[in-house]
Amino acid sequence: MESTEPGARDRAGLLGSAKADRITAPLRHRTFRRIWIASLVSNLGSLVQGVGVAWAMTEMSSSVDKVALVQTALGLPVMLIAIPAGAIADLHDRRIVALISLGIALAAATTLATLASLGLLTPDLLLALCFAAGCGAAMWGPAWQAAVSEQVPAQALPAAVALNGISYNIARSVGPAIGGIIVATAGTVAAFALNAVSYLPLVAAPYLWKRAAGRSRLPPERLDRAILLGVRYIANSPSIMIVLIRTIIVGLISGVILALLPLVARDLLLGSAPTYGLMLGAFGLGAVIGAANIGLVRKHLTGEAAMRCCALAMGTGIAVVAFSRNPVIAGLGLVVAGAGWTLCWTLLNIGVQLSAPRWVAARSLAAYQAASAGGLALGSWGWGHLADIAGVEIALLVAAALMLASPLVGLWLRMPPVSARAEEGSLLEDPEVRVPITGRDGPVMIEIEYQVMQRNSPGFRDIMRELRLVRQRNGAHDWSIARNMADPEMWIERYHFHTWNDYLRQRNRSTQAERAMEGRVVKEYHVGPGKVRVRRTIERSFG
């Protein structure tokens, strides 16, 4: 018999919460498990190909810039098209978007393998196909990551985000070593072909997903408006902006690891493709160790303290690699750097995922991906250029010093505390109107009158600054607050929408916390008489 004792219920709730916090909890959900396993296989193929691509470029060109540009070609598309891709994923069926993006990546991988087998591959073609594969990844990432919240319950979302990082880093721990063996024994063509085949399970997994997403009663926004709204949401969300700036900084500095690792294997360790694969394997092993402990880190450290530890780990690991000429010692340094790397990126990813409501989740994640890929791409190019001028060792030492100093950024841009996802409020009824109006009519102006005692004016102004960000990130523009000169206790809030549909969308985008803030304004500052007065007006043109 089920216990009805309050203490027993509390213990059961804590036990359920503890189970949800376990790193393996999301794997109990079939759809997530199926896509995760397929993603693991695809990540393995991608990393095997990565060894082949980097080594093929090393053999075709003696330029350090060309070798470093491989990482830039893979990451640059994410920086360029992630925001439009995120808007598409928010506006349309994320399953369909994922399948189309995987088709692009599969076509690029197949073309690369075909050209290489025919002996037609050149450095420029290699970079172009890496760019095409990056385009597929740029579209796949926001759709897949935003869909994770539809596949697991909210309490398991942080573990699911960490598992996505583990998937990549499990592959990293063995994929490069396997890639090195394949390249050394069968050549780069075999690595490219294996990657193309590894996409097939990942295409099948979303295809089998029976997504049950509710349809909005309002028509979808235009793509350009959706992109602009995503940018406005991020720009008016201080917590997300801080995470994105920190992401760019981490990407710019840590890009040195992947960009110069082939040169570390060749020039500092005097090795070949298997040595490069083993070094990447050591880095991936550390990454798995870091990702597996994400729950422990989040439990015992604040976001800022965890970021500092990650930066110290990465900086120390990079310095060890710079000084070492022994593969074993260099590998140990890469294990430490890899643990800090994955913990850092997972913390930043979780910070964005839990800060964004569902309606703009893909666009927020796309911005995170653009920031991370952009930082890594630009950092890879910059470190490659510095290595060309001053040498690989100097470039690594400069990067290590910058990484060790990067926690100072937290004095100005402290990581926001995030423990649970921003939950959306319940749907509101449409306001009653007596004027003939269609969804495309506009512009629409909203006026809200507050009666505030003069002694409470400073506090009212402060909370209205926060409410301004809420209105603007949810779709309003031209926000203002005015005071009646004849009645100093009357304040009028005004904001606008392009169309009536835009206003209706904004009403149902507010999270529970944002609606609580709106209620707090009325409860703590409005003194009546009666409720606040809301005017909804629509502009009518002449002629």
Protein backbone atom coordinates (compact mmCIF):
# COMPACT_ATOMS: atom_id res chain seq x y z
CA MET A 1 0.00 0.00 0.00
CA GLU A 2 1.25 3.47 -0.85
CA SER A 3 2.17 5.51 2.20
CA THR A 4 0.21 8.70 2.81
CA GLU A 5 2.53 9.95 5.54
CA PRO A 6 3.88 13.45 4.64
CA GLY A 7 7.44 12.45 5.51
CA ALA A 8 7.20 9.41 3.26
CA ARG A 9 5.92 11.57 0.39
CA ASP A 10 8.78 14.02 0.91
CA ARG A 11 11.33 11.19 0.91
CA ALA A 12 9.77 9.77 -2.26
CA GLY A 13 9.93 13.18 -3.92
CA LEU A 14 13.57 13.59 -2.97
CA LEU A 15 14.32 10.09 -4.24
CA GLY A 16 12.57 10.84 -7.55
CA SER A 17 14.48 14.10 -7.86
CA ALA A 18 17.75 12.32 -7.14
CA LYS A 19 17.00 9.73 -9.80
CA ALA A 20 16.17 12.48 -12.31
CA ASP A 21 19.49 14.16 -11.51
CA ARG A 22 21.46 11.03 -12.36
CA ILE A 23 23.44 11.31 -15.56
CA THR A 24 21.77 8.18 -16.98
CA ALA A 25 18.18 9.25 -16.22
CA PRO A 26 17.38 10.61 -19.73
CA LEU A 27 18.33 7.27 -21.29
CA ARG A 28 15.18 5.75 -19.81
CA HIS A 29 13.19 7.67 -22.45
CA ARG A 30 13.14 5.73 -25.72
CA THR A 31 13.21 8.59 -28.23
CA PHE A 32 16.09 10.35 -26.50
CA ARG A 33 17.97 7.07 -26.08
CA ARG A 34 17.55 6.16 -29.75
CA ILE A 35 18.75 9.55 -31.02
CA TRP A 36 21.54 9.69 -28.44
CA ILE A 37 22.96 6.32 -29.49
CA ALA A 38 22.71 7.27 -33.17
CA SER A 39 24.39 10.58 -32.38
CA LEU A 40 27.19 8.69 -30.63
CA VAL A 41 27.75 6.61 -33.77
CA SER A 42 27.70 9.72 -35.98
CA ASN A 43 30.06 11.58 -33.64
CA LEU A 44 32.44 8.64 -33.84
CA GLY A 45 32.34 8.82 -37.64
CA SER A 46 32.81 12.60 -37.63
CA LEU A 47 35.88 12.36 -35.42
CA VAL A 48 37.38 9.59 -37.52
CA GLN A 49 36.86 11.85 -40.52
CA GLY A 50 38.31 14.78 -38.58
CA VAL A 51 41.59 12.91 -38.23
CA GLY A 52 41.52 12.17 -41.97
CA VAL A 53 40.70 15.76 -42.92
CA ALA A 54 43.40 17.27 -40.71
CA TRP A 55 46.01 14.77 -41.87
CA ALA A 56 44.99 15.06 -45.52
CA MET A 57 45.45 18.83 -45.30
CA THR A 58 48.80 18.34 -43.55
CA GLU A 59 49.94 16.13 -46.45
CA MET A 60 48.54 18.38 -49.21
CA SER A 61 49.83 21.69 -47.80
CA SER A 62 52.82 22.73 -45.72
CA SER A 63 51.08 25.95 -44.62
CA VAL A 64 50.16 26.13 -40.91
CA ASP A 65 47.34 28.51 -41.87
CA LYS A 66 45.76 25.88 -44.15
CA VAL A 67 45.86 23.23 -41.41
CA ALA A 68 44.25 25.58 -38.86
CA LEU A 69 41.63 26.66 -41.43
CA VAL A 70 40.14 23.15 -41.35
CA GLN A 71 38.66 23.91 -37.92
CA THR A 72 37.58 27.33 -39.16
CA ALA A 73 35.78 25.81 -42.17
CA LEU A 74 33.92 23.39 -39.90
CA GLY A 75 32.95 26.05 -37.36
CA LEU A 76 32.32 29.14 -39.48
CA PRO A 77 28.91 27.99 -40.88
CA VAL A 78 27.58 27.68 -37.36
CA MET A 79 28.54 31.29 -36.69
CA LEU A 80 26.99 32.48 -39.98
CA ILE A 81 23.70 30.56 -40.22
CA ALA A 82 22.94 29.34 -36.70
CA ILE A 83 20.48 32.17 -35.93
CA PRO A 84 18.38 31.62 -39.11
CA ALA A 85 18.57 27.87 -38.46
CA GLY A 86 17.32 28.41 -34.91
CA ALA A 87 14.42 30.54 -36.15
CA ILE A 88 13.48 27.83 -38.66
CA ALA A 89 13.57 25.21 -35.89
CA ASP A 90 11.30 27.37 -33.68
CA LEU A 91 8.83 28.07 -36.50
CA HIS A 92 8.60 24.61 -38.06
CA ASP A 93 8.59 20.95 -37.08
CA ARG A 94 11.98 20.36 -35.46
CA ARG A 95 11.98 16.75 -36.63
CA ILE A 96 11.71 17.78 -40.29
CA VAL A 97 14.36 20.47 -39.85
CA ALA A 98 16.69 17.89 -38.30
CA LEU A 99 16.18 15.46 -41.20
CA ILE A 100 16.89 18.12 -43.84
CA SER A 101 20.06 19.26 -42.06
CA LEU A 102 21.29 15.68 -41.77
CA GLY A 103 20.67 15.24 -45.49
CA ILE A 104 22.98 18.19 -46.22
CA ALA A 105 25.72 16.80 -43.98
CA LEU A 106 25.37 13.32 -45.49
CA ALA A 107 25.64 14.73 -49.02
CA ALA A 108 28.83 16.62 -48.09
CA ALA A 109 30.38 13.55 -46.46
CA THR A 110 29.53 11.34 -49.45
CA THR A 111 30.97 13.87 -51.90
CA LEU A 112 34.17 14.16 -49.88
CA ALA A 113 34.66 10.37 -49.86
CA THR A 114 33.93 10.13 -53.59
CA LEU A 115 36.34 12.88 -54.62
CA ALA A 116 39.07 11.52 -52.38
CA SER A 117 38.67 8.02 -53.84
CA LEU A 118 38.97 9.45 -57.37
CA GLY A 119 42.08 11.46 -56.47
CA LEU A 120 40.32 14.77 -57.25
CA LEU A 121 40.55 16.31 -53.78
CA THR A 122 42.42 19.61 -53.42
CA PRO A 123 42.98 21.81 -50.33
CA ASP A 124 40.32 24.27 -51.48
CA LEU A 125 37.78 21.51 -52.21
CA LEU A 126 38.53 19.98 -48.82
CA LEU A 127 37.80 23.28 -47.07
CA ALA A 128 34.63 23.79 -49.15
CA LEU A 129 33.25 20.36 -48.23
CA CYS A 130 34.14 20.92 -44.58
CA PHE A 131 32.15 24.16 -44.84
CA ALA A 132 29.17 22.29 -46.35
CA ALA A 133 29.28 19.69 -43.58
CA GLY A 134 29.41 22.56 -41.10
CA CYS A 135 26.24 24.00 -42.66
CA GLY A 136 24.43 20.74 -41.99
CA ALA A 137 25.70 20.72 -38.41
CA ALA A 138 24.62 24.35 -37.98
CA MET A 139 21.04 23.46 -38.91
CA TRP A 140 21.00 20.16 -36.99
CA GLY A 141 22.29 21.56 -33.68
CA PRO A 142 19.51 24.00 -32.69
CA ALA A 143 16.72 21.67 -33.85
CA TRP A 144 18.09 18.67 -31.95
CA GLN A 145 19.08 20.49 -28.77
CA ALA A 146 15.79 22.40 -28.54
CA ALA A 147 13.90 19.14 -29.10
CA VAL A 148 15.59 17.46 -26.12
CA SER A 149 13.10 19.17 -23.78
CA GLU A 150 10.30 17.41 -25.72
CA GLN A 151 11.91 14.01 -25.16
CA VAL A 152 12.72 14.12 -21.44
CA PRO A 153 10.96 15.69 -18.41
CA ALA A 154 12.13 19.09 -17.21
CA GLN A 155 13.99 17.73 -14.17
CA ALA A 156 16.09 15.48 -16.42
CA LEU A 157 17.04 18.26 -18.86
CA PRO A 158 20.42 19.19 -17.28
CA ALA A 159 21.43 15.52 -17.34
CA ALA A 160 20.31 15.26 -20.98
CA VAL A 161 22.43 18.29 -21.91
CA ALA A 162 25.41 16.73 -20.15
CA LEU A 163 24.77 13.41 -21.91
CA ASN A 164 24.94 15.16 -25.29
CA GLY A 165 28.39 16.38 -24.32
CA ILE A 166 29.33 12.90 -23.13
CA SER A 167 28.18 11.43 -26.46
CA TYR A 168 30.64 13.63 -28.32
CA ASN A 169 33.43 13.05 -25.86
CA ILE A 170 33.01 9.29 -25.63
CA ALA A 171 33.50 9.38 -29.37
CA ARG A 172 36.42 11.77 -28.90
CA SER A 173 38.10 9.41 -26.45
CA VAL A 174 38.24 6.56 -28.96
CA GLY A 175 37.35 8.06 -32.35
CA PRO A 176 40.61 9.90 -33.00
CA ALA A 177 42.67 6.86 -32.03
CA ILE A 178 40.57 4.70 -34.34
CA GLY A 179 40.83 7.43 -36.97
CA GLY A 180 44.60 7.49 -36.63
CA ILE A 181 44.77 3.71 -37.10
CA ILE A 182 42.41 3.82 -40.09
CA VAL A 183 44.32 6.68 -41.75
CA ALA A 184 47.64 4.97 -41.11
CA THR A 185 46.52 1.56 -42.41
CA ALA A 186 43.74 2.21 -44.96
CA GLY A 187 44.19 5.89 -45.87
CA THR A 188 42.03 8.99 -45.59
CA VAL A 189 39.44 7.70 -48.08
CA ALA A 190 38.42 4.95 -45.63
CA ALA A 191 37.97 7.54 -42.88
CA PHE A 192 35.76 9.67 -45.14
CA ALA A 193 33.65 6.66 -46.19
CA LEU A 194 33.16 5.53 -42.60
CA ASN A 195 31.84 8.97 -41.69
CA ALA A 196 29.32 8.93 -44.54
CA VAL A 197 27.97 5.53 -43.43
CA SER A 198 27.76 6.67 -39.77
CA TYR A 199 25.14 9.27 -40.70
CA LEU A 200 22.58 6.58 -41.65
CA PRO A 201 21.50 5.64 -38.07
CA LEU A 202 21.24 9.33 -37.19
CA VAL A 203 18.92 9.92 -40.15
CA ALA A 204 16.79 6.91 -39.15
CA ALA A 205 16.40 7.95 -35.48
CA PRO A 206 14.56 11.29 -36.04
CA TYR A 207 12.59 9.64 -38.86
CA LEU A 208 11.19 7.12 -36.34
CA TRP A 209 10.38 9.82 -33.77
CA LYS A 210 6.62 10.34 -33.52
CA ARG A 211 6.68 13.97 -32.46
CA ALA A 212 3.46 15.16 -30.84
CA ALA A 213 3.80 18.93 -30.99
CA GLY A 214 0.70 21.07 -30.60
CA ARG A 215 -0.18 23.48 -33.37
CA SER A 216 -0.51 27.15 -32.58
CA ARG A 217 -3.85 28.74 -33.40
CA LEU A 218 -1.91 31.72 -34.77
CA PRO A 219 -0.08 31.63 -38.11
CA PRO A 220 3.73 31.36 -37.93
CA GLU A 221 5.81 34.51 -38.09
CA ARG A 222 7.79 35.43 -41.16
CA LEU A 223 11.36 34.16 -41.02
CA ASP A 224 12.93 37.64 -41.01
CA ARG A 225 10.65 38.75 -38.16
CA ALA A 226 11.39 35.56 -36.24
CA ILE A 227 15.14 36.13 -36.60
CA LEU A 228 14.81 39.74 -35.46
CA LEU A 229 12.66 38.71 -32.51
CA GLY A 230 15.22 36.09 -31.50
CA VAL A 231 17.95 38.73 -31.55
CA ARG A 232 15.74 41.10 -29.53
CA TYR A 233 14.98 38.38 -27.00
CA ILE A 234 18.66 37.65 -26.45
CA ALA A 235 19.64 41.34 -26.36
CA ASN A 236 17.03 41.97 -23.63
CA SER A 237 17.98 38.91 -21.55
CA PRO A 238 20.96 39.88 -19.35
CA SER A 239 21.58 36.31 -18.18
CA ILE A 240 21.80 34.94 -21.73
CA MET A 241 23.98 37.84 -22.89
CA ILE A 242 26.48 37.15 -20.08
CA VAL A 243 26.64 33.46 -21.01
CA LEU A 244 27.16 34.30 -24.70
CA ILE A 245 29.99 36.76 -23.99
CA ARG A 246 31.69 34.20 -21.75
CA THR A 247 31.19 31.61 -24.51
CA ILE A 248 32.98 33.77 -27.08
CA ILE A 249 35.88 34.38 -24.71
CA VAL A 250 36.27 30.67 -23.95
CA GLY A 251 36.05 29.82 -27.66
CA LEU A 252 38.66 32.37 -28.70
CA ILE A 253 41.20 31.06 -26.20
CA SER A 254 40.46 27.32 -26.15
CA GLY A 255 40.41 27.09 -29.95
CA VAL A 256 44.18 26.67 -29.71
CA ILE A 257 43.79 23.05 -28.60
CA LEU A 258 42.02 21.60 -31.62
CA ALA A 259 43.62 24.00 -34.11
CA LEU A 260 47.22 23.22 -33.23
CA LEU A 261 46.98 19.64 -31.99
CA PRO A 262 47.99 18.14 -35.40
CA LEU A 263 51.07 20.37 -35.30
CA VAL A 264 51.78 19.39 -31.69
CA ALA A 265 51.81 15.74 -32.79
CA ARG A 266 53.97 16.43 -35.83
CA ASP A 267 56.36 19.18 -34.69
CA LEU A 268 56.61 18.97 -30.88
CA LEU A 269 56.16 15.22 -30.36
CA LEU A 270 57.70 14.26 -33.74
CA GLY A 271 54.88 11.78 -34.36
CA SER A 272 52.50 10.85 -37.16
CA ALA A 273 48.77 10.22 -37.64
CA PRO A 274 48.53 7.58 -34.84
CA THR A 275 50.23 10.01 -32.42
CA TYR A 276 47.69 12.70 -33.35
CA GLY A 277 44.87 10.22 -32.81
CA LEU A 278 46.20 9.21 -29.39
CA MET A 279 46.51 12.86 -28.32
CA LEU A 280 42.90 13.51 -29.35
CA GLY A 281 41.94 10.32 -27.52
CA ALA A 282 43.57 11.60 -24.32
CA PHE A 283 41.73 14.90 -24.70
CA GLY A 284 38.46 13.02 -25.24
CA LEU A 285 39.06 10.79 -22.21
CA GLY A 286 39.41 13.87 -20.03
CA ALA A 287 36.27 15.28 -21.60
CA VAL A 288 34.28 12.15 -20.66
CA ILE A 289 35.59 12.38 -17.09
CA GLY A 290 34.52 16.01 -16.92
CA ALA A 291 31.06 15.45 -18.41
CA ALA A 292 30.36 12.47 -16.13
CA ASN A 293 30.88 14.73 -13.10
CA ILE A 294 28.73 17.65 -14.24
CA GLY A 295 26.02 16.82 -11.69
CA LEU A 296 28.54 16.81 -8.84
CA VAL A 297 30.04 20.10 -9.99
CA ARG A 298 26.65 21.83 -10.27
CA LYS A 299 25.65 20.52 -6.84
CA HIS A 300 28.70 21.77 -4.94
CA LEU A 301 29.86 24.83 -6.91
CA THR A 302 28.19 27.98 -8.15
CA GLY A 303 28.29 28.62 -11.89
CA GLU A 304 31.06 31.20 -11.50
CA ALA A 305 33.20 29.00 -9.23
CA ALA A 306 32.82 26.08 -11.65
CA MET A 307 33.88 28.25 -14.60
CA ARG A 308 36.99 29.36 -12.72
CA CYS A 309 37.97 25.76 -12.01
CA CYS A 310 37.44 24.85 -15.67
CA ALA A 311 39.61 27.75 -16.85
CA LEU A 312 42.40 26.78 -14.44
CA ALA A 313 42.24 23.16 -15.64
CA MET A 314 42.37 24.13 -19.31
CA GLY A 315 45.15 26.67 -18.80
CA THR A 316 47.28 24.19 -16.84
CA GLY A 317 46.71 21.44 -19.40
CA ILE A 318 47.65 23.67 -22.34
CA ALA A 319 50.85 24.78 -20.56
CA VAL A 320 51.85 21.14 -19.94
CA VAL A 321 51.36 20.35 -23.64
CA ALA A 322 53.46 23.37 -24.63
CA PHE A 323 56.44 22.35 -22.46
CA SER A 324 56.29 18.58 -22.95
CA ARG A 325 58.12 16.61 -25.60
CA ASN A 326 56.94 13.30 -24.20
CA PRO A 327 53.64 11.86 -25.55
CA VAL A 328 52.67 10.43 -22.13
CA ILE A 329 53.10 13.75 -20.29
CA ALA A 330 51.42 15.65 -23.12
CA GLY A 331 48.55 13.15 -22.98
CA LEU A 332 48.12 13.73 -19.23
CA GLY A 333 47.99 17.46 -19.86
CA LEU A 334 45.32 16.90 -22.50
CA VAL A 335 43.27 14.77 -20.07
CA VAL A 336 43.21 17.69 -17.62
CA ALA A 337 42.44 20.19 -20.39
CA GLY A 338 39.70 17.93 -21.78
CA ALA A 339 37.95 17.66 -18.41
CA GLY A 340 37.91 21.45 -18.05
CA TRP A 341 36.86 21.86 -21.69
CA THR A 342 33.71 19.72 -21.48
CA LEU A 343 32.66 20.93 -18.04
CA CYS A 344 33.00 24.52 -19.26
CA TRP A 345 31.01 24.05 -22.47
CA THR A 346 28.33 21.99 -20.70
CA LEU A 347 27.87 24.65 -18.02
CA LEU A 348 27.49 27.33 -20.68
CA ASN A 349 25.03 25.19 -22.67
CA ILE A 350 22.92 24.47 -19.60
CA GLY A 351 22.93 28.17 -18.74
CA VAL A 352 21.36 29.02 -22.10
CA GLN A 353 18.94 26.07 -22.22
CA LEU A 354 17.50 26.73 -18.78
CA SER A 355 17.28 30.51 -19.28
CA ALA A 356 15.18 30.39 -22.48
CA PRO A 357 11.48 29.46 -22.66
CA ARG A 358 10.37 26.87 -25.19
CA TRP A 359 9.07 29.31 -27.84
CA VAL A 360 12.56 30.79 -28.38
CA ALA A 361 14.69 27.84 -27.25
CA ALA A 362 16.14 26.97 -30.67
CA ARG A 363 17.05 30.60 -31.41
CA SER A 364 18.76 30.97 -28.04
CA LEU A 365 20.67 27.73 -28.53
CA ALA A 366 21.56 28.85 -32.05
CA ALA A 367 23.02 32.04 -30.62
CA TYR A 368 25.05 29.94 -28.18
CA GLN A 369 26.26 27.73 -31.03
CA ALA A 370 27.11 30.77 -33.13
CA ALA A 371 29.06 32.28 -30.23
CA SER A 372 30.93 29.05 -29.49
CA ALA A 373 31.64 28.17 -33.13
CA GLY A 374 32.54 31.76 -33.96
CA GLY A 375 34.92 31.98 -31.04
CA LEU A 376 36.51 28.63 -31.92
CA ALA A 377 36.73 29.46 -35.64
CA LEU A 378 38.29 32.89 -35.12
CA GLY A 379 40.50 31.55 -32.35
CA SER A 380 41.69 28.68 -34.56
CA TRP A 381 42.62 31.10 -37.31
CA GLY A 382 44.36 33.47 -34.90
CA TRP A 383 46.35 30.75 -33.14
CA GLY A 384 47.33 29.24 -36.48
CA HIS A 385 48.56 32.65 -37.65
CA LEU A 386 50.52 33.19 -34.41
CA ALA A 387 52.04 29.70 -34.67
CA ASP A 388 53.12 30.49 -38.22
CA ILE A 389 54.96 33.59 -36.97
CA ALA A 390 56.26 32.59 -33.53
CA GLY A 391 56.02 28.80 -33.42
CA VAL A 392 53.60 26.27 -31.93
CA GLU A 393 55.11 26.35 -28.44
CA ILE A 394 54.82 30.14 -28.08
CA ALA A 395 51.22 30.08 -29.32
CA LEU A 396 50.31 27.43 -26.74
CA LEU A 397 52.00 29.35 -23.91
CA VAL A 398 50.20 32.59 -24.80
CA ALA A 399 46.87 30.71 -24.86
CA ALA A 400 47.62 29.07 -21.49
CA ALA A 401 48.38 32.47 -19.92
CA LEU A 402 45.16 33.98 -21.29
CA MET A 403 43.10 31.00 -20.10
CA LEU A 404 44.57 31.21 -16.60
CA ALA A 405 43.74 34.93 -16.51
CA SER A 406 40.21 34.53 -17.95
CA PRO A 407 38.44 34.06 -14.54
CA LEU A 408 39.03 37.79 -14.01
CA VAL A 409 36.20 38.36 -16.52
CA GLY A 410 33.84 37.02 -13.85
CA LEU A 411 34.45 40.16 -11.79
CA TRP A 412 32.38 42.07 -14.36
CA LEU A 413 30.33 39.34 -16.04
CA ARG A 414 29.42 36.89 -13.30
CA MET A 415 27.73 33.68 -14.44
CA PRO A 416 23.99 33.88 -13.60
CA PRO A 417 22.56 31.33 -11.14
CA VAL A 418 20.27 28.96 -13.06
CA SER A 419 18.68 25.91 -11.42
CA ALA A 420 15.49 25.22 -13.39
CA ARG A 421 14.10 25.99 -16.83
CA ALA A 422 12.00 29.12 -17.32
CA GLU A 423 8.48 27.64 -17.35
CA GLU A 424 5.88 29.24 -19.58
CA GLY A 425 2.67 30.55 -18.08
CA SER A 426 -0.78 29.18 -18.85
CA LEU A 427 -2.54 30.31 -22.03
CA LEU A 428 -4.57 33.50 -21.71
CA GLU A 429 -7.90 34.24 -23.33
CA ASP A 430 -7.82 36.75 -26.17
CA PRO A 431 -9.00 40.20 -25.06
CA GLU A 432 -12.49 41.14 -26.13
CA VAL A 433 -12.67 43.83 -28.82
CA ARG A 434 -15.63 45.56 -30.47
CA VAL A 435 -13.81 46.89 -33.52
CA PRO A 436 -13.62 44.73 -36.68
CA ILE A 437 -10.00 43.54 -36.75
CA THR A 438 -7.89 40.83 -38.37
CA GLY A 439 -4.64 39.33 -37.18
CA ARG A 440 -2.65 41.32 -39.75
CA ASP A 441 -4.09 44.70 -38.72
CA GLY A 442 -1.82 47.14 -36.91
CA PRO A 443 0.16 48.82 -35.53
CA VAL A 444 -1.30 48.15 -32.07
CA MET A 445 -0.52 50.30 -29.02
CA ILE A 446 -0.99 49.16 -25.44
CA GLU A 447 -1.37 51.70 -22.60
CA ILE A 448 -1.46 50.69 -18.94
CA GLU A 449 -2.24 53.25 -16.24
CA TYR A 450 -0.79 52.80 -12.74
CA GLN A 451 -1.68 54.90 -9.69
CA VAL A 452 1.49 55.03 -7.58
CA MET A 453 2.07 56.95 -4.35
CA GLN A 454 4.84 59.52 -4.79
CA ARG A 455 7.00 58.06 -2.03
CA ASN A 456 7.04 54.74 -3.94
CA SER A 457 8.13 56.28 -7.26
CA PRO A 458 11.84 55.27 -7.05
CA GLY A 459 11.00 51.60 -6.43
CA PHE A 460 8.35 51.69 -9.15
CA ARG A 461 10.85 53.05 -11.68
CA ASP A 462 13.35 50.31 -10.78
CA ILE A 463 10.93 47.46 -11.29
CA MET A 464 9.61 49.03 -14.51
CA ARG A 465 13.15 48.89 -15.91
CA GLU A 466 13.04 45.13 -15.43
CA LEU A 467 9.53 44.93 -16.88
CA ARG A 468 10.73 46.86 -19.94
CA LEU A 469 13.17 44.03 -20.72
CA VAL A 470 10.34 41.50 -20.34
CA ARG A 471 8.05 43.39 -22.75
CA GLN A 472 10.80 43.93 -25.34
CA ARG A 473 12.19 40.40 -25.37
CA ASN A 474 8.69 38.97 -25.79
CA GLY A 475 7.92 41.09 -28.86
CA ALA A 476 7.01 44.66 -27.89
CA HIS A 477 8.83 47.70 -29.28
CA ASP A 478 8.94 51.45 -28.63
CA TRP A 479 8.41 50.90 -24.91
CA SER A 480 8.11 53.99 -22.71
CA ILE A 481 6.94 55.06 -19.28
CA ALA A 482 5.39 58.52 -18.77
CA ARG A 483 4.17 60.52 -15.78
CA ASN A 484 1.05 62.67 -15.83
CA MET A 485 2.12 66.26 -15.18
CA ALA A 486 -1.30 67.18 -13.76
CA ASP A 487 -1.46 64.07 -11.55
CA PRO A 488 2.04 63.04 -10.31
CA GLU A 489 0.70 59.74 -8.98
CA MET A 490 -0.43 58.56 -12.43
CA TRP A 491 2.11 56.65 -14.56
CA ILE A 492 1.38 55.42 -18.08
CA GLU A 493 3.26 52.49 -19.62
CA ARG A 494 3.16 52.32 -23.45
CA TYR A 495 4.44 49.76 -25.92
CA HIS A 496 3.65 48.79 -29.50
CA PHE A 497 3.27 45.80 -31.81
CA HIS A 498 3.35 45.64 -35.59
CA THR A 499 0.14 43.58 -35.82
CA TRP A 500 -2.68 42.24 -33.68
CA ASN A 501 -1.28 38.72 -34.06
CA ASP A 502 2.06 39.93 -32.69
CA TYR A 503 0.27 41.20 -29.60
CA LEU A 504 -1.62 37.93 -29.13
CA ARG A 505 1.64 35.99 -29.40
CA GLN A 506 3.32 38.23 -26.82
CA ARG A 507 0.52 37.68 -24.29
CA ASN A 508 1.25 33.96 -24.14
CA ARG A 509 5.04 34.09 -24.25
CA SER A 510 5.58 35.30 -20.70
CA THR A 511 7.06 32.79 -18.29
CA GLN A 512 5.63 32.20 -14.84
CA ALA A 513 8.39 34.35 -13.33
CA GLU A 514 7.64 37.21 -15.74
CA ARG A 515 3.93 37.09 -14.96
CA ALA A 516 4.79 37.07 -11.27
CA MET A 517 6.76 40.29 -11.87
CA GLU A 518 3.77 41.87 -13.62
CA GLY A 519 1.60 40.88 -10.66
CA ARG A 520 4.16 42.29 -8.25
CA VAL A 521 4.05 45.70 -9.96
CA VAL A 522 0.29 45.85 -9.47
CA LYS A 523 0.24 44.38 -5.96
CA GLU A 524 3.10 46.41 -4.46
CA TYR A 525 2.80 49.76 -6.23
CA HIS A 526 -0.67 50.31 -7.73
CA VAL A 527 -3.01 51.89 -5.16
CA GLY A 528 -6.19 52.13 -7.22
CA PRO A 529 -8.95 52.85 -7.34
CA GLY A 530 -9.69 49.44 -8.81
CA LYS A 531 -7.47 47.45 -11.16
CA VAL A 532 -4.95 48.99 -13.51
CA ARG A 533 -6.58 50.42 -16.62
CA VAL A 534 -5.49 48.86 -19.91
CA ARG A 535 -6.15 50.53 -23.26
CA ARG A 536 -5.63 48.66 -26.52
CA THR A 537 -5.72 50.92 -29.56
CA ILE A 538 -5.04 50.32 -33.25
CA GLU A 539 -3.79 52.95 -35.63
CA ARG A 540 -5.96 53.76 -38.65
CA SER A 541 -4.42 55.49 -41.66
CA PHE A 542 -6.13 58.10 -43.86
CA GLY A 543 -6.24 57.93 -47.64
